[in-house]
N, C-alpha and C. Protein backbone atom coordinates (compact mmCIF):
# COMPACT_ATOMS: atom_id res chain seq x y z
N ARG A 1 149.59 132.84 116.36
CA ARG A 1 148.35 132.97 116.13
C ARG A 1 147.80 131.71 115.89
N ASN A 2 146.75 131.19 116.95
CA ASN A 2 145.94 129.69 116.63
C ASN A 2 145.55 129.62 115.59
N CYS A 3 145.52 128.61 115.05
CA CYS A 3 144.56 128.29 113.67
C CYS A 3 143.53 127.03 113.94
N SER A 4 142.77 127.27 113.29
CA SER A 4 141.77 126.06 113.38
C SER A 4 141.40 125.69 111.77
N TYR A 5 141.29 124.45 111.64
CA TYR A 5 141.17 123.89 110.12
C TYR A 5 139.86 123.13 110.22
N VAL A 6 138.70 123.78 109.49
CA VAL A 6 137.42 123.04 109.51
C VAL A 6 137.46 122.49 107.77
N PHE A 7 136.99 121.15 108.22
CA PHE A 7 137.11 120.02 106.89
C PHE A 7 135.86 120.05 106.51
N ILE A 8 135.29 120.59 105.14
CA ILE A 8 133.77 120.03 105.01
C ILE A 8 134.09 118.87 103.91
N LEU A 9 133.31 118.15 104.25
CA LEU A 9 133.29 116.69 103.10
C LEU A 9 132.02 116.67 102.38
N CYS A 10 132.10 116.33 101.23
CA CYS A 10 130.77 116.00 100.43
C CYS A 10 131.05 115.28 99.38
N VAL A 11 130.58 114.07 99.52
CA VAL A 11 131.00 112.99 98.45
C VAL A 11 129.45 112.65 98.24
N PHE A 12 128.77 112.94 97.19
CA PHE A 12 127.59 112.99 96.96
C PHE A 12 127.25 112.07 95.71
N SER A 13 126.32 111.39 95.80
CA SER A 13 125.75 110.65 94.29
C SER A 13 124.35 110.73 94.67
N GLU A 14 123.63 111.10 93.42
CA GLU A 14 122.24 111.50 93.19
C GLU A 14 121.35 110.02 93.47
N SER A 15 120.56 110.09 94.17
CA SER A 15 119.27 109.07 94.25
C SER A 15 118.14 109.33 93.70
N ARG A 16 117.60 108.43 92.79
CA ARG A 16 116.50 108.65 91.91
C ARG A 16 115.43 108.68 92.98
N GLY A 17 114.46 109.37 92.61
CA GLY A 17 113.30 109.82 93.48
C GLY A 17 113.45 110.41 94.76
N GLN A 18 114.67 110.89 95.05
CA GLN A 18 114.90 111.62 96.09
C GLN A 18 115.60 112.85 95.77
N VAL A 19 115.65 114.14 96.80
CA VAL A 19 116.04 115.16 96.20
C VAL A 19 117.58 115.32 96.55
N THR A 20 118.23 116.29 95.49
CA THR A 20 119.66 116.13 95.52
C THR A 20 120.18 117.16 96.32
N VAL A 21 121.02 117.17 97.04
CA VAL A 21 122.03 118.03 97.89
C VAL A 21 123.24 118.19 97.54
N THR A 22 123.62 119.63 97.14
CA THR A 22 124.84 119.86 97.09
C THR A 22 125.42 120.92 97.94
N GLN A 23 126.82 120.40 98.52
CA GLN A 23 127.20 121.02 99.52
C GLN A 23 128.55 121.99 98.83
N THR A 24 128.80 123.18 99.08
CA THR A 24 130.24 123.89 98.94
C THR A 24 130.69 124.42 99.90
N PRO A 25 131.81 125.03 100.14
CA PRO A 25 132.84 124.32 99.43
C PRO A 25 133.28 122.84 100.16
N GLU A 26 134.20 122.11 99.55
CA GLU A 26 134.32 120.70 100.11
C GLU A 26 135.28 120.85 101.13
N LEU A 27 136.25 121.92 101.11
CA LEU A 27 137.40 121.91 102.13
C LEU A 27 137.53 123.35 102.42
N ILE A 28 137.65 123.82 103.59
CA ILE A 28 138.19 125.36 104.21
C ILE A 28 139.14 125.25 105.36
N SER A 29 140.13 126.00 104.93
CA SER A 29 141.16 126.38 105.95
C SER A 29 141.21 127.53 106.32
N THR A 30 141.07 127.75 107.72
CA THR A 30 140.48 129.44 108.10
C THR A 30 141.33 129.49 109.59
N SER A 31 141.65 130.79 109.76
CA SER A 31 142.34 131.02 110.90
C SER A 31 141.25 131.29 112.34
N SER A 32 141.73 131.30 113.61
CA SER A 32 140.82 131.26 114.64
C SER A 32 140.20 132.72 114.52
N GLY A 33 139.07 133.01 114.91
CA GLY A 33 138.33 134.49 114.93
C GLY A 33 137.60 134.95 113.58
N GLN A 34 138.06 134.01 112.70
CA GLN A 34 137.52 134.38 111.20
C GLN A 34 136.16 134.01 110.82
N THR A 35 135.49 134.43 109.95
CA THR A 35 134.35 133.74 109.78
C THR A 35 134.11 132.82 108.57
N VAL A 36 133.09 131.56 108.87
CA VAL A 36 133.27 130.77 107.63
C VAL A 36 131.93 130.63 107.26
N THR A 37 131.73 130.41 105.99
CA THR A 37 130.32 130.28 105.36
C THR A 37 130.20 128.87 104.49
N ILE A 38 129.27 127.99 104.54
CA ILE A 38 129.21 126.77 103.94
C ILE A 38 127.67 126.76 103.53
N ASN A 39 127.82 126.62 102.22
CA ASN A 39 126.34 126.63 101.60
C ASN A 39 125.88 125.28 101.25
N CYS A 40 124.74 125.26 101.27
CA CYS A 40 124.00 124.01 100.59
C CYS A 40 122.77 124.20 99.84
N LYS A 41 122.74 123.84 98.49
CA LYS A 41 121.65 123.69 97.45
C LYS A 41 121.15 122.66 97.35
N THR A 42 119.60 122.54 97.32
CA THR A 42 118.78 121.39 97.28
C THR A 42 118.32 121.51 95.76
N GLY A 43 117.72 120.27 95.00
CA GLY A 43 117.65 120.31 93.71
C GLY A 43 116.21 120.56 93.64
N SER A 44 115.19 120.69 94.75
CA SER A 44 114.01 121.28 94.72
C SER A 44 113.56 121.80 96.30
N PRO A 45 112.72 122.62 96.18
CA PRO A 45 112.29 123.40 97.56
C PRO A 45 112.13 122.24 98.57
N VAL A 46 112.42 122.30 99.94
CA VAL A 46 112.23 121.38 100.82
C VAL A 46 111.54 122.04 102.18
N LEU A 47 110.29 122.35 101.64
CA LEU A 47 109.63 123.32 102.78
C LEU A 47 108.31 122.45 103.17
N ASP A 48 108.13 122.51 104.40
CA ASP A 48 106.96 121.52 105.06
C ASP A 48 105.63 122.03 104.31
N ALA A 49 104.74 121.17 103.96
CA ALA A 49 103.89 121.48 103.10
C ALA A 49 102.61 122.14 103.91
N GLY A 50 102.69 121.85 105.25
CA GLY A 50 101.40 122.44 106.11
C GLY A 50 101.86 123.78 106.37
N THR A 51 103.25 124.06 107.06
CA THR A 51 103.72 125.17 107.46
C THR A 51 104.75 126.04 106.76
N SER A 52 105.08 125.47 105.67
CA SER A 52 106.23 126.09 104.96
C SER A 52 107.72 126.61 105.42
N ILE A 53 107.98 125.93 106.59
CA ILE A 53 108.81 126.01 107.15
C ILE A 53 110.05 125.00 106.33
N PRO A 54 111.17 125.52 106.28
CA PRO A 54 112.33 124.81 105.68
C PRO A 54 112.76 123.60 106.21
N ARG A 55 112.66 122.45 105.94
CA ARG A 55 112.84 120.99 106.21
C ARG A 55 114.31 121.08 106.15
N MET A 56 115.63 121.61 106.86
CA MET A 56 116.80 121.82 106.53
C MET A 56 117.66 121.82 107.83
N ALA A 57 118.48 120.80 107.91
CA ALA A 57 119.36 120.84 109.21
C ALA A 57 120.75 120.89 108.83
N TRP A 58 121.72 121.41 110.11
CA TRP A 58 122.98 121.37 109.80
C TRP A 58 123.41 120.40 111.14
N TYR A 59 124.53 119.51 110.44
CA TYR A 59 125.16 118.66 111.89
C TYR A 59 126.77 118.86 111.52
N GLN A 60 127.32 118.56 112.97
CA GLN A 60 129.02 118.84 112.90
C GLN A 60 129.00 117.27 113.25
N GLN A 61 130.40 116.81 112.99
CA GLN A 61 130.89 115.56 113.27
C GLN A 61 132.38 115.55 113.37
N LYS A 62 133.01 115.34 114.66
CA LYS A 62 134.30 115.25 114.71
C LYS A 62 134.73 113.78 114.66
N HIS A 63 136.05 113.52 114.61
CA HIS A 63 136.61 112.22 114.73
C HIS A 63 135.79 111.12 115.46
N GLU A 64 135.60 110.36 114.91
CA GLU A 64 134.96 109.26 115.78
C GLU A 64 134.11 109.29 116.59
N GLU A 65 132.98 110.34 116.43
CA GLU A 65 131.91 110.85 117.07
C GLU A 65 130.75 110.54 116.46
N ALA A 66 129.59 110.27 116.97
CA ALA A 66 128.22 110.70 116.22
C ALA A 66 127.97 111.95 115.65
N PRO A 67 127.35 112.30 114.34
CA PRO A 67 127.08 113.69 114.04
C PRO A 67 126.16 114.19 115.14
N LYS A 68 126.38 115.59 115.48
CA LYS A 68 125.84 116.41 116.25
C LYS A 68 124.89 117.45 115.56
N LEU A 69 123.59 117.55 115.74
CA LEU A 69 122.58 118.44 115.65
C LEU A 69 123.03 119.67 115.95
N LEU A 70 123.08 120.81 114.99
CA LEU A 70 123.81 122.19 115.10
C LEU A 70 122.13 123.03 115.15
N ILE A 71 121.68 122.86 113.98
CA ILE A 71 120.76 123.74 113.45
C ILE A 71 119.62 122.83 112.70
N TYR A 72 118.23 123.21 113.12
CA TYR A 72 117.07 122.61 112.48
C TYR A 72 116.21 123.83 111.88
N TYR A 73 115.30 123.31 111.20
CA TYR A 73 114.22 124.25 110.36
C TYR A 73 115.13 125.26 109.72
N ALA A 74 116.18 125.19 109.33
CA ALA A 74 117.26 126.16 108.63
C ALA A 74 117.75 127.23 109.39
N ASN A 75 117.01 127.70 110.65
CA ASN A 75 117.72 128.67 111.13
C ASN A 75 117.47 128.50 112.71
N THR A 76 117.19 127.52 113.07
CA THR A 76 116.77 127.26 114.78
C THR A 76 117.98 126.42 115.30
N ARG A 77 118.61 127.07 116.50
CA ARG A 77 119.64 126.30 116.99
C ARG A 77 119.30 125.27 118.07
N ASN A 78 119.88 124.02 117.78
CA ASN A 78 119.60 123.04 118.98
C ASN A 78 120.32 123.55 120.19
N SER A 79 119.33 122.70 121.29
CA SER A 79 120.02 123.27 122.49
C SER A 79 121.35 122.99 122.86
N GLY A 80 122.28 124.04 123.05
CA GLY A 80 123.61 123.69 123.50
C GLY A 80 124.43 123.90 122.19
N THR A 81 123.98 124.39 121.09
CA THR A 81 124.80 124.86 120.25
C THR A 81 125.12 126.59 120.16
N PRO A 82 126.34 126.86 120.12
CA PRO A 82 126.81 127.99 120.49
C PRO A 82 125.89 129.11 119.57
N SER A 83 126.25 130.40 120.08
CA SER A 83 125.44 131.41 119.51
C SER A 83 126.48 131.97 117.98
N ARG A 84 127.57 131.21 118.05
CA ARG A 84 128.46 131.76 116.71
C ARG A 84 127.93 130.83 115.48
N PHE A 85 127.21 129.92 115.79
CA PHE A 85 126.62 129.20 114.52
C PHE A 85 125.42 129.55 114.44
N THR A 86 124.94 130.13 112.92
CA THR A 86 123.92 130.65 112.50
C THR A 86 123.39 130.02 111.12
N GLY A 87 122.01 129.62 111.12
CA GLY A 87 121.73 129.19 110.03
C GLY A 87 120.50 130.28 109.11
N SER A 88 120.68 130.27 107.64
CA SER A 88 119.67 131.05 107.07
C SER A 88 119.56 130.12 105.74
N GLY A 89 118.55 131.02 105.01
CA GLY A 89 118.06 130.37 103.74
C GLY A 89 116.67 130.07 103.67
N SER A 90 116.10 129.72 102.64
CA SER A 90 114.82 128.98 102.19
C SER A 90 114.95 128.38 100.77
N SER A 91 113.81 127.99 100.94
CA SER A 91 113.35 127.08 99.47
C SER A 91 114.39 126.12 99.11
N THR A 92 115.49 126.51 98.21
CA THR A 92 116.39 125.77 97.84
C THR A 92 117.86 125.77 98.31
N ASP A 93 117.89 127.41 98.76
CA ASP A 93 119.65 127.67 98.95
C ASP A 93 119.38 127.93 100.82
N PHE A 94 120.69 127.28 101.37
CA PHE A 94 120.66 127.69 102.61
C PHE A 94 122.36 127.85 103.00
N THR A 95 122.49 128.62 104.03
CA THR A 95 123.91 128.50 104.44
C THR A 95 123.98 128.39 106.09
N LEU A 96 125.28 127.77 106.31
CA LEU A 96 125.63 127.84 107.94
C LEU A 96 126.71 128.74 107.93
N THR A 97 126.61 129.64 108.87
CA THR A 97 127.76 130.78 109.10
C THR A 97 128.39 130.56 110.52
N ILE A 98 129.83 130.20 110.60
CA ILE A 98 129.98 130.24 111.86
C ILE A 98 131.01 131.59 112.17
N SER A 99 130.71 132.08 113.04
CA SER A 99 131.16 133.62 113.26
C SER A 99 132.31 133.62 114.66
N GLY A 100 133.46 133.75 114.28
CA GLY A 100 134.65 133.64 115.55
C GLY A 100 135.00 132.04 115.31
N VAL A 101 135.69 131.97 114.16
CA VAL A 101 135.69 130.07 114.64
C VAL A 101 136.77 129.88 115.53
N GLN A 102 136.73 128.77 116.24
CA GLN A 102 137.54 128.39 117.50
C GLN A 102 138.14 127.13 117.17
N ALA A 103 139.12 126.97 117.75
CA ALA A 103 140.19 125.82 117.30
C ALA A 103 138.90 124.20 117.46
N GLY A 104 138.09 124.34 118.45
CA GLY A 104 137.28 123.12 118.56
C GLY A 104 136.11 122.92 117.50
N ASP A 105 135.99 124.02 116.85
CA ASP A 105 135.19 123.77 115.77
C ASP A 105 135.47 122.90 114.61
N ALA A 106 136.82 122.73 114.25
CA ALA A 106 137.47 121.58 113.43
C ALA A 106 136.48 120.26 113.03
N GLY A 107 135.89 120.03 112.02
CA GLY A 107 135.52 118.76 111.88
C GLY A 107 134.70 118.65 110.56
N ASP A 108 134.03 117.62 110.46
CA ASP A 108 133.10 117.78 109.20
C ASP A 108 131.79 118.16 109.61
N TYR A 109 130.89 118.82 108.64
CA TYR A 109 129.93 119.61 108.57
C TYR A 109 129.07 118.88 107.28
N TYR A 110 127.57 118.66 107.81
CA TYR A 110 126.79 118.18 106.63
C TYR A 110 125.44 118.80 106.98
N CYS A 111 124.87 119.28 105.69
CA CYS A 111 123.31 119.71 105.67
C CYS A 111 122.47 118.53 105.59
N GLN A 112 121.35 118.51 105.67
CA GLN A 112 120.42 117.38 105.74
C GLN A 112 118.97 118.00 105.66
N CYS A 113 118.38 117.43 104.47
CA CYS A 113 116.81 117.93 104.24
C CYS A 113 116.11 116.61 104.22
N GLU A 114 114.71 117.11 104.58
CA GLU A 114 113.76 116.00 104.23
C GLU A 114 112.82 116.18 103.27
N HIS A 115 112.48 115.67 102.34
CA HIS A 115 111.74 115.78 100.92
C HIS A 115 110.76 114.58 100.83
N GLY A 116 109.55 114.56 100.96
CA GLY A 116 108.62 113.66 100.63
C GLY A 116 109.00 112.53 101.56
N GLY A 117 109.26 112.48 102.75
CA GLY A 117 109.52 111.36 103.62
C GLY A 117 110.76 110.68 103.45
N ALA A 118 111.89 111.41 102.60
CA ALA A 118 112.93 110.94 102.59
C ALA A 118 114.03 112.00 103.13
N TRP A 119 115.11 111.58 103.89
CA TRP A 119 116.03 112.40 104.55
C TRP A 119 117.21 112.19 103.26
N SER A 120 117.88 113.36 102.84
CA SER A 120 119.12 113.40 102.02
C SER A 120 120.12 114.29 102.55
N LEU A 121 121.26 113.36 102.89
CA LEU A 121 122.46 114.16 103.51
C LEU A 121 123.49 114.27 102.73
N SER A 122 124.07 115.43 102.72
CA SER A 122 125.17 115.58 101.59
C SER A 122 126.42 114.67 102.48
N GLY A 123 126.91 113.45 101.48
CA GLY A 123 127.47 112.27 101.90
C GLY A 123 126.85 111.18 101.81
N SER A 124 125.35 111.08 102.19
CA SER A 124 124.62 109.99 102.09
C SER A 124 123.12 110.47 102.13
N THR A 125 122.46 109.50 101.21
CA THR A 125 120.94 109.49 101.13
C THR A 125 120.41 108.48 101.42
N GLY A 126 119.20 108.43 102.12
CA GLY A 126 118.50 107.41 102.44
C GLY A 126 117.02 107.85 103.04
N HIS A 127 115.97 106.73 102.89
CA HIS A 127 114.69 106.98 103.72
C HIS A 127 114.84 106.30 105.13
N ASP A 128 114.18 107.19 105.79
CA ASP A 128 114.11 106.34 107.49
C ASP A 128 113.78 104.93 107.34
N ARG A 129 114.61 104.07 108.15
CA ARG A 129 114.71 102.49 107.94
C ARG A 129 114.91 102.31 109.39
N ALA A 130 113.78 101.35 109.91
CA ALA A 130 113.90 101.07 111.45
C ALA A 130 115.12 99.82 111.42
N PRO A 131 116.02 99.54 112.41
CA PRO A 131 116.80 98.42 112.12
C PRO A 131 116.25 97.31 112.79
N ILE A 132 116.95 96.31 112.05
CA ILE A 132 116.78 94.76 112.59
C ILE A 132 117.28 94.55 113.91
N LEU A 133 116.59 94.07 114.74
CA LEU A 133 116.96 93.74 116.22
C LEU A 133 117.25 92.53 116.58
N THR A 134 118.65 92.34 117.36
CA THR A 134 118.79 90.71 117.75
C THR A 134 119.34 90.73 119.12
N VAL A 135 118.70 90.12 120.10
CA VAL A 135 118.69 90.14 121.60
C VAL A 135 119.28 88.84 121.70
N LEU A 136 120.48 88.88 122.41
CA LEU A 136 121.31 87.58 122.96
C LEU A 136 121.19 87.47 124.30
N PRO A 137 120.74 86.16 124.89
CA PRO A 137 120.79 85.96 125.97
C PRO A 137 121.84 85.80 127.00
N PRO A 138 122.28 85.61 128.39
CA PRO A 138 123.60 85.58 128.78
C PRO A 138 123.75 83.93 128.63
N SER A 139 125.03 83.66 129.22
CA SER A 139 125.53 82.36 129.23
C SER A 139 125.07 81.43 130.03
N THR A 140 124.92 80.39 129.99
CA THR A 140 124.79 79.52 131.14
C THR A 140 125.86 79.43 132.42
N VAL A 141 127.20 79.64 131.90
CA VAL A 141 128.28 79.51 132.73
C VAL A 141 127.91 80.83 133.44
N GLU A 142 127.69 82.18 132.86
CA GLU A 142 127.91 83.45 133.76
C GLU A 142 126.91 83.49 134.53
N VAL A 143 125.53 82.87 134.25
CA VAL A 143 124.50 82.88 135.23
C VAL A 143 124.69 81.81 136.61
N SER A 144 125.44 80.94 136.35
CA SER A 144 125.59 79.84 137.18
C SER A 144 126.78 80.19 138.04
N SER A 145 127.87 80.78 137.47
CA SER A 145 128.77 81.06 138.48
C SER A 145 129.11 82.28 138.75
N LYS A 146 128.80 83.45 138.32
CA LYS A 146 128.70 84.35 138.43
C LYS A 146 127.63 85.34 139.22
N ASN A 147 126.23 84.57 138.74
CA ASN A 147 125.06 84.82 139.63
C ASN A 147 124.65 86.39 139.10
N THR A 148 125.28 86.45 137.83
CA THR A 148 124.61 87.71 137.13
C THR A 148 124.23 87.24 135.74
N ALA A 149 123.42 88.03 134.78
CA ALA A 149 122.73 87.77 133.60
C ALA A 149 123.03 88.96 132.64
N THR A 150 124.10 88.89 131.60
CA THR A 150 123.96 90.12 130.87
C THR A 150 123.40 89.82 129.47
N LEU A 151 122.48 90.67 128.88
CA LEU A 151 121.75 90.53 127.67
C LEU A 151 122.55 91.55 126.90
N MET A 152 122.59 91.06 125.50
CA MET A 152 123.05 92.16 124.79
C MET A 152 121.79 92.31 123.38
N CYS A 153 121.78 93.54 123.15
CA CYS A 153 120.64 93.76 121.86
C CYS A 153 121.48 94.46 120.81
N LEU A 154 121.53 93.88 119.69
CA LEU A 154 122.23 94.40 118.46
C LEU A 154 121.03 94.77 117.37
N ALA A 155 121.30 96.09 116.93
CA ALA A 155 120.37 96.95 116.24
C ALA A 155 121.04 96.77 114.60
N ASN A 156 120.75 96.65 113.76
CA ASN A 156 121.53 96.54 112.73
C ASN A 156 120.79 97.24 111.22
N LYS A 157 121.52 97.91 110.30
CA LYS A 157 120.80 98.43 109.35
C LYS A 157 119.62 99.74 109.44
N GLY A 158 119.83 100.37 110.49
CA GLY A 158 118.99 101.48 110.40
C GLY A 158 119.15 102.97 110.17
N TYR A 159 118.41 103.75 109.89
CA TYR A 159 118.67 105.02 109.43
C TYR A 159 117.49 105.91 109.95
N PRO A 160 117.76 107.13 110.15
CA PRO A 160 119.30 107.65 110.32
C PRO A 160 120.04 107.40 111.83
N PHE A 161 121.09 108.12 112.21
CA PHE A 161 122.06 107.71 113.00
C PHE A 161 121.62 107.46 114.32
N ASP A 162 120.25 108.58 114.81
CA ASP A 162 120.14 108.86 116.06
C ASP A 162 119.07 107.84 116.71
N TRP A 163 119.05 106.42 116.05
CA TRP A 163 117.86 105.59 116.83
C TRP A 163 118.37 105.36 118.32
N LYS A 164 117.51 105.19 119.44
CA LYS A 164 117.96 104.84 120.74
C LYS A 164 117.55 103.53 120.91
N LEU A 165 118.14 102.62 121.77
CA LEU A 165 117.71 101.41 122.48
C LEU A 165 117.32 101.30 123.90
N SER A 166 116.31 101.00 124.21
CA SER A 166 116.10 100.74 125.70
C SER A 166 115.41 99.62 125.95
N TRP A 167 115.17 99.24 127.37
CA TRP A 167 114.99 97.63 127.76
C TRP A 167 113.86 97.63 128.64
N LYS A 168 113.05 96.69 128.49
CA LYS A 168 111.97 96.61 129.60
C LYS A 168 111.85 95.11 130.24
N VAL A 169 111.76 95.10 131.39
CA VAL A 169 111.58 93.36 132.10
C VAL A 169 110.30 93.42 132.67
N ASP A 170 109.73 92.74 132.21
CA ASP A 170 108.08 92.40 132.68
C ASP A 170 107.52 93.84 132.44
N GLY A 171 107.61 94.47 131.37
CA GLY A 171 106.94 95.76 131.15
C GLY A 171 107.66 97.04 131.89
N ASN A 172 108.77 96.57 132.92
CA ASN A 172 109.17 97.69 133.74
C ASN A 172 110.34 98.20 133.07
N SER A 173 110.86 99.42 132.72
CA SER A 173 111.98 100.08 132.11
C SER A 173 112.99 99.85 133.20
N LYS A 174 114.07 99.47 131.95
CA LYS A 174 115.52 99.22 132.84
C LYS A 174 116.50 100.24 132.00
N TYR A 175 117.29 100.93 132.99
CA TYR A 175 118.05 102.01 132.09
C TYR A 175 119.34 101.41 131.62
N SER A 176 119.44 101.60 130.63
CA SER A 176 120.94 101.09 130.04
C SER A 176 121.32 102.12 128.58
N GLU A 177 122.70 102.46 128.64
CA GLU A 177 122.80 103.31 127.62
C GLU A 177 123.17 102.68 126.09
N THR A 178 122.88 103.47 124.95
CA THR A 178 122.97 102.98 123.88
C THR A 178 124.54 103.28 123.07
N SER A 179 124.87 102.65 122.41
CA SER A 179 126.50 103.01 121.93
C SER A 179 126.27 104.00 120.83
N ARG A 180 127.05 104.56 120.27
CA ARG A 180 126.85 105.61 119.09
C ARG A 180 126.64 104.86 117.90
N GLY A 181 125.86 105.42 117.05
CA GLY A 181 125.59 104.86 115.72
C GLY A 181 126.95 104.80 114.97
N LEU A 182 127.27 103.40 114.31
CA LEU A 182 128.31 103.00 113.54
C LEU A 182 127.86 103.28 112.40
N LEU A 183 128.40 103.84 111.34
CA LEU A 183 128.15 104.09 110.03
C LEU A 183 128.77 102.80 109.07
N GLN A 184 127.88 101.95 108.50
CA GLN A 184 128.55 101.01 107.45
C GLN A 184 128.76 101.17 106.12
N LYS A 185 129.28 100.48 105.51
CA LYS A 185 129.45 101.01 104.15
C LYS A 185 128.15 101.04 103.18
N ASP A 186 127.21 100.29 103.57
CA ASP A 186 125.99 100.66 102.83
C ASP A 186 125.23 101.78 103.11
N GLY A 187 125.86 102.51 103.85
CA GLY A 187 125.27 103.94 104.39
C GLY A 187 124.02 103.74 105.60
N LEU A 188 124.15 102.47 106.07
CA LEU A 188 123.09 102.35 107.30
C LEU A 188 123.78 102.48 108.31
N TYR A 189 123.28 102.42 109.44
CA TYR A 189 124.20 102.46 110.81
C TYR A 189 123.62 101.21 111.92
N SER A 190 124.35 101.11 112.75
CA SER A 190 124.47 99.83 113.61
C SER A 190 124.79 100.29 115.11
N TRP A 191 123.91 99.78 116.13
CA TRP A 191 123.92 100.05 117.56
C TRP A 191 123.86 98.78 118.45
N SER A 192 124.32 99.09 119.43
CA SER A 192 124.29 98.27 120.57
C SER A 192 124.07 98.35 122.02
N SER A 193 123.26 97.47 122.88
CA SER A 193 122.99 98.08 124.24
C SER A 193 122.97 96.71 125.02
N SER A 194 123.72 96.88 126.28
CA SER A 194 123.67 95.60 127.02
C SER A 194 122.86 96.02 128.50
N LEU A 195 122.29 95.01 128.81
CA LEU A 195 121.61 95.03 130.31
C LEU A 195 122.10 93.93 131.12
N SER A 196 122.14 94.38 132.29
CA SER A 196 122.77 93.33 133.29
C SER A 196 121.73 93.33 134.45
N LEU A 197 121.43 91.94 134.56
CA LEU A 197 120.40 91.66 135.68
C LEU A 197 121.23 90.52 136.77
N THR A 198 120.74 90.47 137.73
CA THR A 198 120.95 89.16 138.46
C THR A 198 120.60 88.14 138.21
N ALA A 199 121.16 86.92 138.43
CA ALA A 199 120.82 85.58 138.15
C ALA A 199 119.29 85.39 138.48
N ASP A 200 118.83 86.12 139.67
CA ASP A 200 117.62 85.68 140.24
C ASP A 200 116.70 86.44 139.45
N GLU A 201 116.90 88.03 138.92
CA GLU A 201 115.89 88.51 138.37
C GLU A 201 115.84 88.08 136.91
N TRP A 202 116.68 87.28 136.45
CA TRP A 202 116.63 86.75 135.09
C TRP A 202 115.76 85.62 134.99
N LYS A 203 115.92 84.61 136.05
CA LYS A 203 115.21 83.37 136.13
C LYS A 203 113.77 83.78 136.54
N LYS A 204 113.47 84.95 137.01
CA LYS A 204 111.92 84.98 137.47
C LYS A 204 111.45 85.73 136.50
N ALA A 205 112.05 86.48 135.26
CA ALA A 205 111.66 87.34 134.51
C ALA A 205 110.66 86.65 133.56
N GLY A 206 109.42 86.93 133.19
CA GLY A 206 108.63 86.70 132.28
C GLY A 206 109.12 86.73 130.87
N SER A 207 109.86 88.32 130.65
CA SER A 207 110.06 88.54 129.20
C SER A 207 110.95 89.83 129.27
N VAL A 208 111.74 89.86 128.62
CA VAL A 208 112.80 90.89 128.34
C VAL A 208 112.75 91.55 126.93
N VAL A 209 112.52 92.82 127.03
CA VAL A 209 112.15 93.53 125.50
C VAL A 209 113.47 94.27 125.41
N CYS A 210 113.99 94.41 124.37
CA CYS A 210 114.45 95.14 123.66
C CYS A 210 113.62 96.27 122.63
N GLU A 211 113.80 97.62 123.14
CA GLU A 211 113.16 98.45 122.05
C GLU A 211 113.96 99.54 121.40
N ALA A 212 113.65 99.79 119.96
CA ALA A 212 114.65 101.01 119.24
C ALA A 212 113.50 101.98 118.66
N HIS A 213 113.84 103.11 119.03
CA HIS A 213 112.97 104.42 118.63
C HIS A 213 113.73 105.47 118.39
N GLN A 214 113.05 106.07 117.44
CA GLN A 214 113.55 107.30 116.77
C GLN A 214 112.71 108.43 116.34
N GLY A 215 112.44 109.57 116.89
CA GLY A 215 111.65 110.77 116.44
C GLY A 215 109.97 110.14 116.51
N CYS A 216 109.41 110.38 115.50
CA CYS A 216 107.96 109.88 115.19
C CYS A 216 107.90 108.40 114.65
N GLN A 217 109.19 108.16 114.29
CA GLN A 217 109.07 106.62 113.71
C GLN A 217 108.21 105.62 114.68
N ALA A 218 107.61 104.66 114.35
CA ALA A 218 107.07 103.55 114.99
C ALA A 218 108.32 102.62 115.95
N PRO A 219 108.26 102.34 116.94
CA PRO A 219 109.48 101.79 117.38
C PRO A 219 109.31 100.36 117.01
N VAL A 220 110.60 99.82 117.18
CA VAL A 220 110.82 98.19 117.04
C VAL A 220 111.02 97.43 118.19
N THR A 221 110.55 96.54 118.51
CA THR A 221 110.77 95.51 119.61
C THR A 221 111.27 94.19 119.13
N GLN A 222 112.32 93.49 120.10
CA GLN A 222 112.51 92.17 120.31
C GLN A 222 112.18 91.63 121.69
N MET A 223 111.52 90.45 121.70
CA MET A 223 111.52 90.02 123.11
C MET A 223 112.12 88.61 123.24
N LEU A 224 112.61 88.42 124.54
CA LEU A 224 113.33 87.02 124.80
C LEU A 224 112.63 86.86 126.05
N ARG A 225 112.46 85.40 126.26
CA ARG A 225 111.78 84.93 127.18
C ARG A 225 112.74 84.55 128.52
N GLY A 226 112.42 85.31 129.91
CA GLY A 226 113.24 85.10 130.96
C GLY A 226 113.64 83.83 131.10
N GLY A 227 115.01 83.40 131.75
CA GLY A 227 115.55 82.00 131.92
C GLY A 227 116.10 81.49 130.68
N ASP A 228 115.91 81.68 129.64
CA ASP A 228 116.73 81.25 128.25
C ASP A 228 118.14 81.60 128.24
N CYS A 229 119.05 80.66 128.29
CA CYS A 229 120.50 80.94 128.25
C CYS A 229 120.98 80.25 127.00
N SER A 230 122.25 80.61 126.47
CA SER A 230 123.05 80.36 125.52
C SER A 230 124.21 79.31 126.15
N GLU A 231 124.51 78.70 125.51
CA GLU A 231 125.76 77.51 125.96
C GLU A 231 127.02 78.21 126.21
């Protein structure tokens, strides 16, 4: 019989002024095909003031990967979430049920709620926070000898984990991937993204902008003048 081990981690410390989230059990060992139930209890109701919809979400995180949204609004599956994952509950008591556990379901599971503008996650708690951006120019050697220009955008101390970085050259969007959010010791995240241009594009550029954006939060930008190089 194939076995799957689903690990539930909940290292939680209460933060004054924010809702308390308690997740149980801390560890589950189960066999493939069985049903697993994970409970999440909040210290106060987490209902949207306007719609009374529960502001509760469930995430799955596998080793060295960014957390993946499974369920939002307590019971709504995210696109791509298998039907074996079901969310339920209201007010202060919520449940994630995995019916017919598969080996690939092994990982860490977190519940997250929004209360008064603050997001509380079992394992970490924090307000939405825009990252600090730093844009690094290409080196003079690269531009002169390789005829290329590689720029790097570093984003630090942001929250939550799903901020994305994008680029614009003279107002025109340029595609580039964003690294997965890396969790730091202070509970905040960092990201990076690189942009490759030809030396000619770089020299002619009036401005190159890196922008960080997430959900409904106001974007953050950092600009670099075209043609500037590091030694």
